[in-house]
PDB file of N, CA and C in Angstrom:
ATOM      1  N   MET A   1     -50.083  45.597 198.572  1.00  0.00           N
ATOM      2  CA  MET A   1     -49.506  45.651 197.246  1.00  0.00           C
ATOM      3  C   MET A   1     -48.120  46.273 197.344  1.00  0.00           C
ATOM      4  N   LYS A   2     -47.185  45.649 196.697  1.00  0.00           N
ATOM      5  CA  LYS A   2     -45.811  46.147 196.672  1.00  0.00           C
ATOM      6  C   LYS A   2     -45.607  46.934 195.379  1.00  0.00           C
ATOM      7  N   HIS A   3     -44.950  48.067 195.478  1.00  0.00           N
ATOM      8  CA  HIS A   3     -44.590  48.846 194.295  1.00  0.00           C
ATOM      9  C   HIS A   3     -43.196  48.416 193.853  1.00  0.00           C
ATOM     10  N   ALA A   4     -43.093  47.917 192.639  1.00  0.00           N
ATOM     11  CA  ALA A   4     -41.806  47.480 192.102  1.00  0.00           C
ATOM     12  C   ALA A   4     -40.942  48.693 191.796  1.00  0.00           C
ATOM     13  N   ASP A   5     -39.647  48.560 192.054  1.00  0.00           N
ATOM     14  CA  ASP A   5     -38.698  49.639 191.782  1.00  0.00           C
ATOM     15  C   ASP A   5     -38.300  49.699 190.315  1.00  0.00           C
ATOM     16  N   SER A   6     -38.505  48.594 189.602  1.00  0.00           N
ATOM     17  CA  SER A   6     -38.112  48.548 188.197  1.00  0.00           C
ATOM     18  C   SER A   6     -39.067  47.649 187.425  1.00  0.00           C
ATOM     19  N   LEU A   7     -39.078  47.819 186.129  1.00  0.00           N
ATOM     20  CA  LEU A   7     -39.885  46.967 185.272  1.00  0.00           C
ATOM     21  C   LEU A   7     -39.415  45.525 185.380  1.00  0.00           C
ATOM     22  N   SER A   8     -38.113  45.322 185.447  1.00  0.00           N
ATOM     23  CA  SER A   8     -37.556  43.970 185.563  1.00  0.00           C
ATOM     24  C   SER A   8     -38.089  43.255 186.798  1.00  0.00           C
ATOM     25  N   GLU A   9     -38.198  43.973 187.907  1.00  0.00           N
ATOM     26  CA  GLU A   9     -38.713  43.378 189.144  1.00  0.00           C
ATOM     27  C   GLU A   9     -40.158  42.911 188.956  1.00  0.00           C
ATOM     28  N   ALA A  10     -40.982  43.726 188.324  1.00  0.00           N
ATOM     29  CA  ALA A  10     -42.379  43.363 188.091  1.00  0.00           C
ATOM     30  C   ALA A  10     -42.489  42.188 187.127  1.00  0.00           C
ATOM     31  N   VAL A  11     -41.691  42.202 186.070  1.00  0.00           N
ATOM     32  CA  VAL A  11     -41.709  41.120 185.085  1.00  0.00           C
ATOM     33  C   VAL A  11     -41.256  39.812 185.723  1.00  0.00           C
ATOM     34  N   ASP A  12     -40.203  39.849 186.518  1.00  0.00           N
ATOM     35  CA  ASP A  12     -39.718  38.639 187.193  1.00  0.00           C
ATOM     36  C   ASP A  12     -40.780  38.067 188.120  1.00  0.00           C
ATOM     37  N   PHE A  13     -41.449  38.924 188.887  1.00  0.00           N
ATOM     38  CA  PHE A  13     -42.514  38.472 189.784  1.00  0.00           C
ATOM     39  C   PHE A  13     -43.627  37.810 188.974  1.00  0.00           C
ATOM     40  N   ALA A  14     -44.026  38.449 187.879  1.00  0.00           N
ATOM     41  CA  ALA A  14     -45.107  37.924 187.042  1.00  0.00           C
ATOM     42  C   ALA A  14     -44.751  36.559 186.467  1.00  0.00           C
ATOM     43  N   LYS A  15     -43.516  36.371 186.046  1.00  0.00           N
ATOM     44  CA  LYS A  15     -43.084  35.092 185.478  1.00  0.00           C
ATOM     45  C   LYS A  15     -43.076  33.988 186.527  1.00  0.00           C
ATOM     46  N   GLU A  16     -42.732  34.335 187.763  1.00  0.00           N
ATOM     47  CA  GLU A  16     -42.656  33.343 188.839  1.00  0.00           C
ATOM     48  C   GLU A  16     -44.037  32.892 189.300  1.00  0.00           C
ATOM     49  N   GLU A  17     -45.033  33.734 189.164  1.00  0.00           N
ATOM     50  CA  GLU A  17     -46.384  33.432 189.656  1.00  0.00           C
ATOM     51  C   GLU A  17     -47.218  32.802 188.548  1.00  0.00           C
ATOM     52  N   SER A  18     -47.053  31.508 188.349  1.00  0.00           N
ATOM     53  CA  SER A  18     -47.742  30.829 187.252  1.00  0.00           C
ATOM     54  C   SER A  18     -49.262  30.808 187.438  1.00  0.00           C
ATOM     55  N   GLN A  19     -49.729  30.864 188.679  1.00  0.00           N
ATOM     56  CA  GLN A  19     -51.170  30.853 188.947  1.00  0.00           C
ATOM     57  C   GLN A  19     -51.738  32.263 189.092  1.00  0.00           C
ATOM     58  N   GLY A  20     -50.912  33.257 188.927  1.00  0.00           N
ATOM     59  CA  GLY A  20     -51.350  34.634 189.128  1.00  0.00           C
ATOM     60  C   GLY A  20     -52.024  35.230 187.908  1.00  0.00           C
ATOM     61  N   ARG A  21     -52.435  36.478 188.064  1.00  0.00           N
ATOM     62  CA  ARG A  21     -53.054  37.232 186.980  1.00  0.00           C
ATOM     63  C   ARG A  21     -52.178  38.436 186.666  1.00  0.00           C
ATOM     64  N   ILE A  22     -52.013  38.702 185.385  1.00  0.00           N
ATOM     65  CA  ILE A  22     -51.166  39.801 184.925  1.00  0.00           C
ATOM     66  C   ILE A  22     -52.036  40.789 184.147  1.00  0.00           C
ATOM     67  N   PHE A  23     -51.908  42.061 184.503  1.00  0.00           N
ATOM     68  CA  PHE A  23     -52.626  43.123 183.802  1.00  0.00           C
ATOM     69  C   PHE A  23     -51.595  44.112 183.266  1.00  0.00           C
ATOM     70  N   ILE A  24     -51.758  44.498 182.004  1.00  0.00           N
ATOM     71  CA  ILE A  24     -50.802  45.391 181.350  1.00  0.00           C
ATOM     72  C   ILE A  24     -51.556  46.556 180.719  1.00  0.00           C
ATOM     73  N   SER A  25     -51.004  47.754 180.889  1.00  0.00           N
ATOM     74  CA  SER A  25     -51.558  48.943 180.248  1.00  0.00           C
ATOM     75  C   SER A  25     -50.408  49.753 179.662  1.00  0.00           C
ATOM     76  N   GLN A  26     -50.566  50.147 178.409  1.00  0.00           N
ATOM     77  CA  GLN A  26     -49.578  51.001 177.749  1.00  0.00           C
ATOM     78  C   GLN A  26     -50.330  52.139 177.075  1.00  0.00           C
ATOM     79  N   SER A  27     -49.812  53.348 177.200  1.00  0.00           N
ATOM     80  CA  SER A  27     -50.454  54.485 176.541  1.00  0.00           C
ATOM     81  C   SER A  27     -49.400  55.492 176.112  1.00  0.00           C
ATOM     82  N   GLU A  28     -49.764  56.241 175.087  1.00  0.00           N
ATOM     83  CA  GLU A  28     -48.883  57.291 174.575  1.00  0.00           C
ATOM     84  C   GLU A  28     -49.688  58.583 174.507  1.00  0.00           C
ATOM     85  N   ALA A  29     -49.074  59.687 174.902  1.00  0.00           N
ATOM     86  CA  ALA A  29     -49.775  60.975 174.877  1.00  0.00           C
ATOM     87  C   ALA A  29     -48.785  62.112 174.693  1.00  0.00           C
ATOM     88  N   TYR A  30     -49.257  63.131 174.019  1.00  0.00           N
ATOM     89  CA  TYR A  30     -48.495  64.370 173.918  1.00  0.00           C
ATOM     90  C   TYR A  30     -49.029  65.305 174.988  1.00  0.00           C
ATOM     91  N   PRO A  31     -48.152  65.985 175.710  1.00  0.00           N
ATOM     92  CA  PRO A  31     -48.637  66.954 176.691  1.00  0.00           C
ATOM     93  C   PRO A  31     -49.391  68.085 175.994  1.00  0.00           C
ATOM     94  N   GLY A  32     -50.167  68.846 176.752  1.00  0.00           N
ATOM     95  CA  GLY A  32     -50.918  69.967 176.187  1.00  0.00           C
ATOM     96  C   GLY A  32     -50.008  70.943 175.474  1.00  0.00           C
ATOM     97  N   GLY A  33     -50.565  71.656 174.519  1.00  0.00           N
ATOM     98  CA  GLY A  33     -49.782  72.637 173.786  1.00  0.00           C
ATOM     99  C   GLY A  33     -48.992  72.032 172.644  1.00  0.00           C
ATOM    100  N   MET A  34     -49.435  70.892 172.140  1.00  0.00           N
ATOM    101  CA  MET A  34     -48.727  70.215 171.064  1.00  0.00           C
ATOM    102  C   MET A  34     -48.711  71.090 169.810  1.00  0.00           C
ATOM    103  N   VAL A  35     -47.590  71.121 169.150  1.00  0.00           N
ATOM    104  CA  VAL A  35     -47.432  71.861 167.910  1.00  0.00           C
ATOM    105  C   VAL A  35     -47.169  70.856 166.805  1.00  0.00           C
ATOM    106  N   LEU A  36     -47.902  70.968 165.690  1.00  0.00           N
ATOM    107  CA  LEU A  36     -47.697  70.048 164.581  1.00  0.00           C
ATOM    108  C   LEU A  36     -46.708  70.647 163.594  1.00  0.00           C
ATOM    109  N   GLY A  37     -45.822  69.798 163.095  1.00  0.00           N
ATOM    110  CA  GLY A  37     -44.847  70.229 162.108  1.00  0.00           C
ATOM    111  C   GLY A  37     -45.417  70.109 160.707  1.00  0.00           C
ATOM    112  N   ASP A  38     -44.569  70.284 159.715  1.00  0.00           N
ATOM    113  CA  ASP A  38     -44.998  70.247 158.323  1.00  0.00           C
ATOM    114  C   ASP A  38     -45.608  68.908 157.930  1.00  0.00           C
ATOM    115  N   GLU A  39     -45.105  67.824 158.485  1.00  0.00           N
ATOM    116  CA  GLU A  39     -45.575  66.501 158.097  1.00  0.00           C
ATOM    117  C   GLU A  39     -46.470  65.904 159.172  1.00  0.00           C
ATOM    118  N   ASP A  40     -47.191  66.751 159.881  1.00  0.00           N
ATOM    119  CA  ASP A  40     -48.100  66.319 160.945  1.00  0.00           C
ATOM    120  C   ASP A  40     -47.406  65.512 162.023  1.00  0.00           C
ATOM    121  N   SER A  41     -46.141  65.756 162.201  1.00  0.00           N
ATOM    122  CA  SER A  41     -45.433  65.120 163.311  1.00  0.00           C
ATOM    123  C   SER A  41     -45.340  66.139 164.434  1.00  0.00           C
ATOM    124  N   ALA A  42     -45.442  65.655 165.639  1.00  0.00           N
ATOM    125  CA  ALA A  42     -45.398  66.575 166.777  1.00  0.00           C
ATOM    126  C   ALA A  42     -44.008  67.157 166.916  1.00  0.00           C
ATOM    127  N   SER A  43     -43.963  68.417 167.211  1.00  0.00           N
ATOM    128  CA  SER A  43     -42.676  69.045 167.466  1.00  0.00           C
ATOM    129  C   SER A  43     -42.842  69.991 168.637  1.00  0.00           C
ATOM    130  N   GLY A  44     -41.787  70.178 169.387  1.00  0.00           N
ATOM    131  CA  GLY A  44     -41.843  71.091 170.503  1.00  0.00           C
ATOM    132  C   GLY A  44     -42.387  70.474 171.773  1.00  0.00           C
ATOM    133  N   ALA A  45     -42.997  69.308 171.693  1.00  0.00           N
ATOM    134  CA  ALA A  45     -43.539  68.634 172.872  1.00  0.00           C
ATOM    135  C   ALA A  45     -43.172  67.155 172.787  1.00  0.00           C
ATOM    136  N   PRO A  46     -42.439  66.648 173.752  1.00  0.00           N
ATOM    137  CA  PRO A  46     -42.025  65.252 173.685  1.00  0.00           C
ATOM    138  C   PRO A  46     -43.202  64.306 173.909  1.00  0.00           C
ATOM    139  N   LEU A  47     -43.146  63.172 173.249  1.00  0.00           N
ATOM    140  CA  LEU A  47     -44.137  62.128 173.435  1.00  0.00           C
ATOM    141  C   LEU A  47     -43.907  61.487 174.794  1.00  0.00           C
ATOM    142  N   LYS A  48     -44.978  61.311 175.564  1.00  0.00           N
ATOM    143  CA  LYS A  48     -44.874  60.632 176.854  1.00  0.00           C
ATOM    144  C   LYS A  48     -45.530  59.272 176.718  1.00  0.00           C
ATOM    145  N   MET A  49     -44.793  58.254 177.101  1.00  0.00           N
ATOM    146  CA  MET A  49     -45.283  56.900 177.014  1.00  0.00           C
ATOM    147  C   MET A  49     -45.351  56.320 178.417  1.00  0.00           C
ATOM    148  N   LYS A  50     -46.488  55.748 178.762  1.00  0.00           N
ATOM    149  CA  LYS A  50     -46.705  55.245 180.115  1.00  0.00           C
ATOM    150  C   LYS A  50     -46.918  53.736 180.068  1.00  0.00           C
ATOM    151  N   VAL A  51     -46.225  53.045 180.958  1.00  0.00           N
ATOM    152  CA  VAL A  51     -46.337  51.597 181.089  1.00  0.00           C
ATOM    153  C   VAL A  51     -46.796  51.292 182.506  1.00  0.00           C
ATOM    154  N   GLN A  52     -47.784  50.411 182.619  1.00  0.00           N
ATOM    155  CA  GLN A  52     -48.252  49.963 183.928  1.00  0.00           C
ATOM    156  C   GLN A  52     -48.406  48.445 183.889  1.00  0.00           C
ATOM    157  N   ILE A  53     -47.924  47.787 184.932  1.00  0.00           N
ATOM    158  CA  ILE A  53     -48.086  46.339 185.071  1.00  0.00           C
ATOM    159  C   ILE A  53     -48.552  46.053 186.487  1.00  0.00           C
ATOM    160  N   LEU A  54     -49.573  45.231 186.590  1.00  0.00           N
ATOM    161  CA  LEU A  54     -50.046  44.747 187.880  1.00  0.00           C
ATOM    162  C   LEU A  54     -50.027  43.230 187.817  1.00  0.00           C
ATOM    163  N   ALA A  55     -49.246  42.617 188.693  1.00  0.00           N
ATOM    164  CA  ALA A  55     -49.162  41.158 188.771  1.00  0.00           C
ATOM    165  C   ALA A  55     -49.739  40.729 190.111  1.00  0.00           C
ATOM    166  N   GLU A  56     -50.760  39.888 190.064  1.00  0.00           N
ATOM    167  CA  GLU A  56     -51.430  39.442 191.282  1.00  0.00           C
ATOM    168  C   GLU A  56     -51.206  37.949 191.488  1.00  0.00           C
ATOM    169  N   SER A  57     -50.960  37.572 192.723  1.00  0.00           N
ATOM    170  CA  SER A  57     -50.927  36.165 193.110  1.00  0.00           C
ATOM    171  C   SER A  57     -51.874  36.012 194.291  1.00  0.00           C
ATOM    172  N   GLN A  58     -52.014  34.797 194.797  1.00  0.00           N
ATOM    173  CA  GLN A  58     -52.916  34.593 195.933  1.00  0.00           C
ATOM    174  C   GLN A  58     -52.410  35.303 197.178  1.00  0.00           C
ATOM    175  N   GLU A  59     -51.094  35.363 197.362  1.00  0.00           N
ATOM    176  CA  GLU A  59     -50.538  35.957 198.578  1.00  0.00           C
ATOM    177  C   GLU A  59     -50.084  37.402 198.430  1.00  0.00           C
ATOM    178  N   ASN A  60     -49.796  37.833 197.219  1.00  0.00           N
ATOM    179  CA  ASN A  60     -49.143  39.127 197.056  1.00  0.00           C
ATOM    180  C   ASN A  60     -49.499  39.734 195.700  1.00  0.00           C
ATOM    181  N   SER A  61     -49.170  40.993 195.537  1.00  0.00           N
ATOM    182  CA  SER A  61     -49.303  41.642 194.235  1.00  0.00           C
ATOM    183  C   SER A  61     -48.193  42.675 194.092  1.00  0.00           C
ATOM    184  N   VAL A  62     -47.784  42.882 192.854  1.00  0.00           N
ATOM    185  CA  VAL A  62     -46.721  43.837 192.547  1.00  0.00           C
ATOM    186  C   VAL A  62     -47.230  44.772 191.458  1.00  0.00           C
ATOM    187  N   TYR A  63     -46.974  46.063 191.652  1.00  0.00           N
ATOM    188  CA  TYR A  63     -47.410  47.075 190.697  1.00  0.00           C
ATOM    189  C   TYR A  63     -46.211  47.895 190.256  1.00  0.00           C
ATOM    190  N   PHE A  64     -46.140  48.145 188.950  1.00  0.00           N
ATOM    191  CA  PHE A  64     -45.082  48.988 188.404  1.00  0.00           C
ATOM    192  C   PHE A  64     -45.724  49.998 187.465  1.00  0.00           C
ATOM    193  N   GLN A  65     -45.261  51.242 187.569  1.00  0.00           N
ATOM    194  CA  GLN A  65     -45.711  52.306 186.673  1.00  0.00           C
ATOM    195  C   GLN A  65     -44.521  53.188 186.337  1.00  0.00           C
ATOM    196  N   GLN A  66     -44.388  53.524 185.066  1.00  0.00           N
ATOM    197  CA  GLN A  66     -43.296  54.399 184.647  1.00  0.00           C
ATOM    198  C   GLN A  66     -43.741  55.194 183.431  1.00  0.00           C
ATOM    199  N   GLU A  67     -43.419  56.470 183.420  1.00  0.00           N
ATOM    200  CA  GLU A  67     -43.626  57.310 182.250  1.00  0.00           C
ATOM    201  C   GLU A  67     -42.286  57.525 181.578  1.00  0.00           C
ATOM    202  N   TYR A  68     -42.257  57.340 180.275  1.00  0.00           N
ATOM    203  CA  TYR A  68     -41.021  57.488 179.513  1.00  0.00           C
ATOM    204  C   TYR A  68     -41.154  58.655 178.546  1.00  0.00           C
ATOM    205  N   GLU A  69     -40.109  59.448 178.457  1.00  0.00           N
ATOM    206  CA  GLU A  69     -40.020  60.477 177.424  1.00  0.00           C
ATOM    207  C   GLU A  69     -38.923  60.118 176.429  1.00  0.00           C
ATOM    208  N   ASP A  70     -38.051  59.207 176.825  1.00  0.00           N
ATOM    209  CA  ASP A  70     -36.964  58.742 175.972  1.00  0.00           C
ATOM    210  C   ASP A  70     -37.449  57.514 175.198  1.00  0.00           C
ATOM    211  N   GLU A  71     -37.519  57.641 173.882  1.00  0.00           N
ATOM    212  CA  GLU A  71     -38.053  56.563 173.054  1.00  0.00           C
ATOM    213  C   GLU A  71     -37.220  55.287 173.151  1.00  0.00           C
ATOM    214  N   ILE A  72     -35.927  55.409 173.317  1.00  0.00           N
ATOM    215  CA  ILE A  72     -35.062  54.228 173.432  1.00  0.00           C
ATOM    216  C   ILE A  72     -35.390  53.448 174.699  1.00  0.00           C
ATOM    217  N   LEU A  73     -35.541  54.147 175.819  1.00  0.00           N
ATOM    218  CA  LEU A  73     -35.898  53.474 177.073  1.00  0.00           C
ATOM    219  C   LEU A  73     -37.281  52.844 176.970  1.00  0.00           C
ATOM    220  N   TYR A  74     -38.194  53.532 176.300  1.00  0.00           N
ATOM    221  CA  TYR A  74     -39.543  52.990 176.124  1.00  0.00           C
ATOM    222  C   TYR A  74     -39.493  51.707 175.297  1.00  0.00           C
ATOM    223  N   LYS A  75     -38.710  51.699 174.228  1.00  0.00           N
ATOM    224  CA  LYS A  75     -38.605  50.498 173.390  1.00  0.00           C
ATOM    225  C   LYS A  75     -38.015  49.329 174.172  1.00  0.00           C
ATOM    226  N   GLU A  76     -37.073  49.606 175.066  1.00  0.00           N
ATOM    227  CA  GLU A  76     -36.523  48.554 175.923  1.00  0.00           C
ATOM    228  C   GLU A  76     -37.612  47.996 176.837  1.00  0.00           C
ATOM    229  N   ALA A  77     -38.442  48.880 177.374  1.00  0.00           N
ATOM    230  CA  ALA A  77     -39.543  48.446 178.238  1.00  0.00           C
ATOM    231  C   ALA A  77     -40.536  47.597 177.450  1.00  0.00           C
ATOM    232  N   VAL A  78     -40.875  48.028 176.250  1.00  0.00           N
ATOM    233  CA  VAL A  78     -41.808  47.278 175.411  1.00  0.00           C
ATOM    234  C   VAL A  78     -41.240  45.898 175.099  1.00  0.00           C
ATOM    235  N   SER A  79     -39.947  45.817 174.879  1.00  0.00           N
ATOM    236  CA  SER A  79     -39.301  44.529 174.621  1.00  0.00           C
ATOM    237  C   SER A  79     -39.480  43.578 175.806  1.00  0.00           C
ATOM    238  N   GLN A  80     -39.287  44.086 177.019  1.00  0.00           N
ATOM    239  CA  GLN A  80     -39.485  43.262 178.217  1.00  0.00           C
ATOM    240  C   GLN A  80     -40.945  42.841 178.348  1.00  0.00           C
ATOM    241  N   ILE A  81     -41.849  43.734 178.033  1.00  0.00           N
ATOM    242  CA  ILE A  81     -43.276  43.422 178.127  1.00  0.00           C
ATOM    243  C   ILE A  81     -43.665  42.376 177.086  1.00  0.00           C
ATOM    244  N   GLU A  82     -43.139  42.492 175.880  1.00  0.00           N
ATOM    245  CA  GLU A  82     -43.431  41.505 174.838  1.00  0.00           C
ATOM    246  C   GLU A  82     -42.941  40.120 175.256  1.00  0.00           C
ATOM    247  N   GLU A  83     -41.780  40.063 175.872  1.00  0.00           N
ATOM    248  CA  GLU A  83     -41.256  38.791 176.373  1.00  0.00           C
ATOM    249  C   GLU A  83     -42.194  38.220 177.440  1.00  0.00           C
ATOM    250  N   LEU A  84     -42.693  39.070 178.317  1.00  0.00           N
ATOM    251  CA  LEU A  84     -43.638  38.642 179.350  1.00  0.00           C
ATOM    252  C   LEU A  84     -44.917  38.104 178.709  1.00  0.00           C
ATOM    253  N   LYS A  85     -45.410  38.782 177.688  1.00  0.00           N
ATOM    254  CA  LYS A  85     -46.634  38.356 177.013  1.00  0.00           C
ATOM    255  C   LYS A  85     -46.480  36.972 176.392  1.00  0.00           C
ATOM    256  N   GLU A  86     -45.276  36.648 175.933  1.00  0.00           N
ATOM    257  CA  GLU A  86     -45.031  35.350 175.306  1.00  0.00           C
ATOM    258  C   GLU A  86     -45.003  34.209 176.313  1.00  0.00           C
ATOM    259  N   THR A  87     -44.742  34.515 177.575  1.00  0.00           N
ATOM    260  CA  THR A  87     -44.556  33.457 178.572  1.00  0.00           C
ATOM    261  C   THR A  87     -45.667  33.380 179.615  1.00  0.00           C
ATOM    262  N   THR A  88     -46.609  34.311 179.613  1.00  0.00           N
ATOM    263  CA  THR A  88     -47.670  34.309 180.623  1.00  0.00           C
ATOM    264  C   THR A  88     -49.014  34.656 179.990  1.00  0.00           C
ATOM    265  N   ASP A  89     -50.066  34.332 180.707  1.00  0.00           N
ATOM    266  CA  ASP A  89     -51.396  34.806 180.330  1.00  0.00           C
ATOM    267  C   ASP A  89     -51.545  36.212 180.903  1.00  0.00           C
ATOM    268  N   TYR A  90     -52.134  37.091 180.148  1.00  0.00           N
ATOM    269  CA  TYR A  90     -52.249  38.477 180.585  1.00  0.00           C
ATOM    270  C   TYR A  90     -53.538  39.073 180.046  1.00  0.00           C
ATOM    271  N   GLU A  91     -53.895  40.217 180.597  1.00  0.00           N
ATOM    272  CA  GLU A  91     -55.048  40.969 180.120  1.00  0.00           C
ATOM    273  C   GLU A  91     -54.600  42.403 179.881  1.00  0.00           C
ATOM    274  N   LEU A  92     -54.900  42.920 178.691  1.00  0.00           N
ATOM    275  CA  LEU A  92     -54.588  44.318 178.382  1.00  0.00           C
ATOM    276  C   LEU A  92     -55.717  45.202 178.895  1.00  0.00           C
ATOM    277  N   LEU A  93     -55.348  46.259 179.583  1.00  0.00           N
ATOM    278  CA  LEU A  93     -56.324  47.194 180.135  1.00  0.00           C
ATOM    279  C   LEU A  93     -56.093  48.591 179.587  1.00  0.00           C
ATOM    280  N   LYS A  94     -57.166  49.364 179.507  1.00  0.00           N
ATOM    281  CA  LYS A  94     -57.041  50.790 179.216  1.00  0.00           C
ATOM    282  C   LYS A  94     -56.455  51.445 180.462  1.00  0.00           C
ATOM    283  N   PRO A  95     -55.788  52.584 180.317  1.00  0.00           N
ATOM    284  CA  PRO A  95     -55.226  53.259 181.498  1.00  0.00           C
ATOM    285  C   PRO A  95     -56.264  53.505 182.596  1.00  0.00           C
ATOM    286  N   SER A  96     -57.475  53.883 182.218  1.00  0.00           N
ATOM    287  CA  SER A  96     -58.516  54.139 183.225  1.00  0.00           C
ATOM    288  C   SER A  96     -58.908  52.855 183.960  1.00  0.00           C
ATOM    289  N   GLU A  97     -58.932  51.736 183.247  1.00  0.00           N
ATOM    290  CA  GLU A  97     -59.251  50.452 183.881  1.00  0.00           C
ATOM    291  C   GLU A  97     -58.152  50.043 184.857  1.00  0.00           C
ATOM    292  N   MET A  98     -56.908  50.298 184.471  1.00  0.00           N
ATOM    293  CA  MET A  98     -55.789  49.970 185.361  1.00  0.00           C
ATOM    294  C   MET A  98     -55.868  50.822 186.623  1.00  0.00           C
ATOM    295  N   GLU A  99     -56.173  52.103 186.473  1.00  0.00           N
ATOM    296  CA  GLU A  99     -56.282  52.988 187.632  1.00  0.00           C
ATOM    297  C   GLU A  99     -57.359  52.492 188.595  1.00  0.00           C
ATOM    298  N   GLU A 100     -58.487  52.046 188.053  1.00  0.00           N
ATOM    299  CA  GLU A 100     -59.563  51.509 188.893  1.00  0.00           C
ATOM    300  C   GLU A 100     -59.088  50.284 189.664  1.00  0.00           C
ATOM    301  N   LYS A 101     -58.387  49.411 188.982  1.00  0.00           N
ATOM    302  CA  LYS A 101     -57.900  48.178 189.611  1.00  0.00           C
ATOM    303  C   LYS A 101     -56.895  48.498 190.719  1.00  0.00           C
ATOM    304  N   VAL A 102     -55.991  49.425 190.474  1.00  0.00           N
ATOM    305  CA  VAL A 102     -54.970  49.793 191.460  1.00  0.00           C
ATOM    306  C   VAL A 102     -55.616  50.502 192.654  1.00  0.00           C
ATOM    307  N   GLN A 103     -56.657  51.294 192.405  1.00  0.00           N
ATOM    308  CA  GLN A 103     -57.346  52.015 193.484  1.00  0.00           C
ATOM    309  C   GLN A 103     -57.931  51.063 194.524  1.00  0.00           C
ATOM    310  N   LYS A 104     -58.259  49.845 194.122  1.00  0.00           N
ATOM    311  CA  LYS A 104     -58.867  48.870 195.032  1.00  0.00           C
ATOM    312  C   LYS A 104     -57.900  48.411 196.115  1.00  0.00           C
ATOM    313  N   TYR A 105     -56.618  48.618 195.870  1.00  0.00           N
ATOM    314  CA  TYR A 105     -55.623  48.218 196.866  1.00  0.00           C
ATOM    315  C   TYR A 105     -55.499  49.338 197.843  1.00  0.00           C
TER     316      TYR A 105
END
């Protein structure tokens, strides 16, 4: 399994492999010690957003994982993932399911 250096690399591989399988996992979490503000919005602890993509073909597989704390960068990643979803068949996985799948490699 090859680890992609960027989301774009993983997305490009997935688009090229028409016979492959694509697995996507997205999750959002606040680190421990979260403080709630007046309007029940988190304050003092940044939101962490995690994106994982596993693209499998008969000969190869590519895995990408990134944690984002910057909402703008995360939205850019989601945009690329949405584009991928429109052009390929994919399966959404829970983070724990993705970890199990990656562990097999």
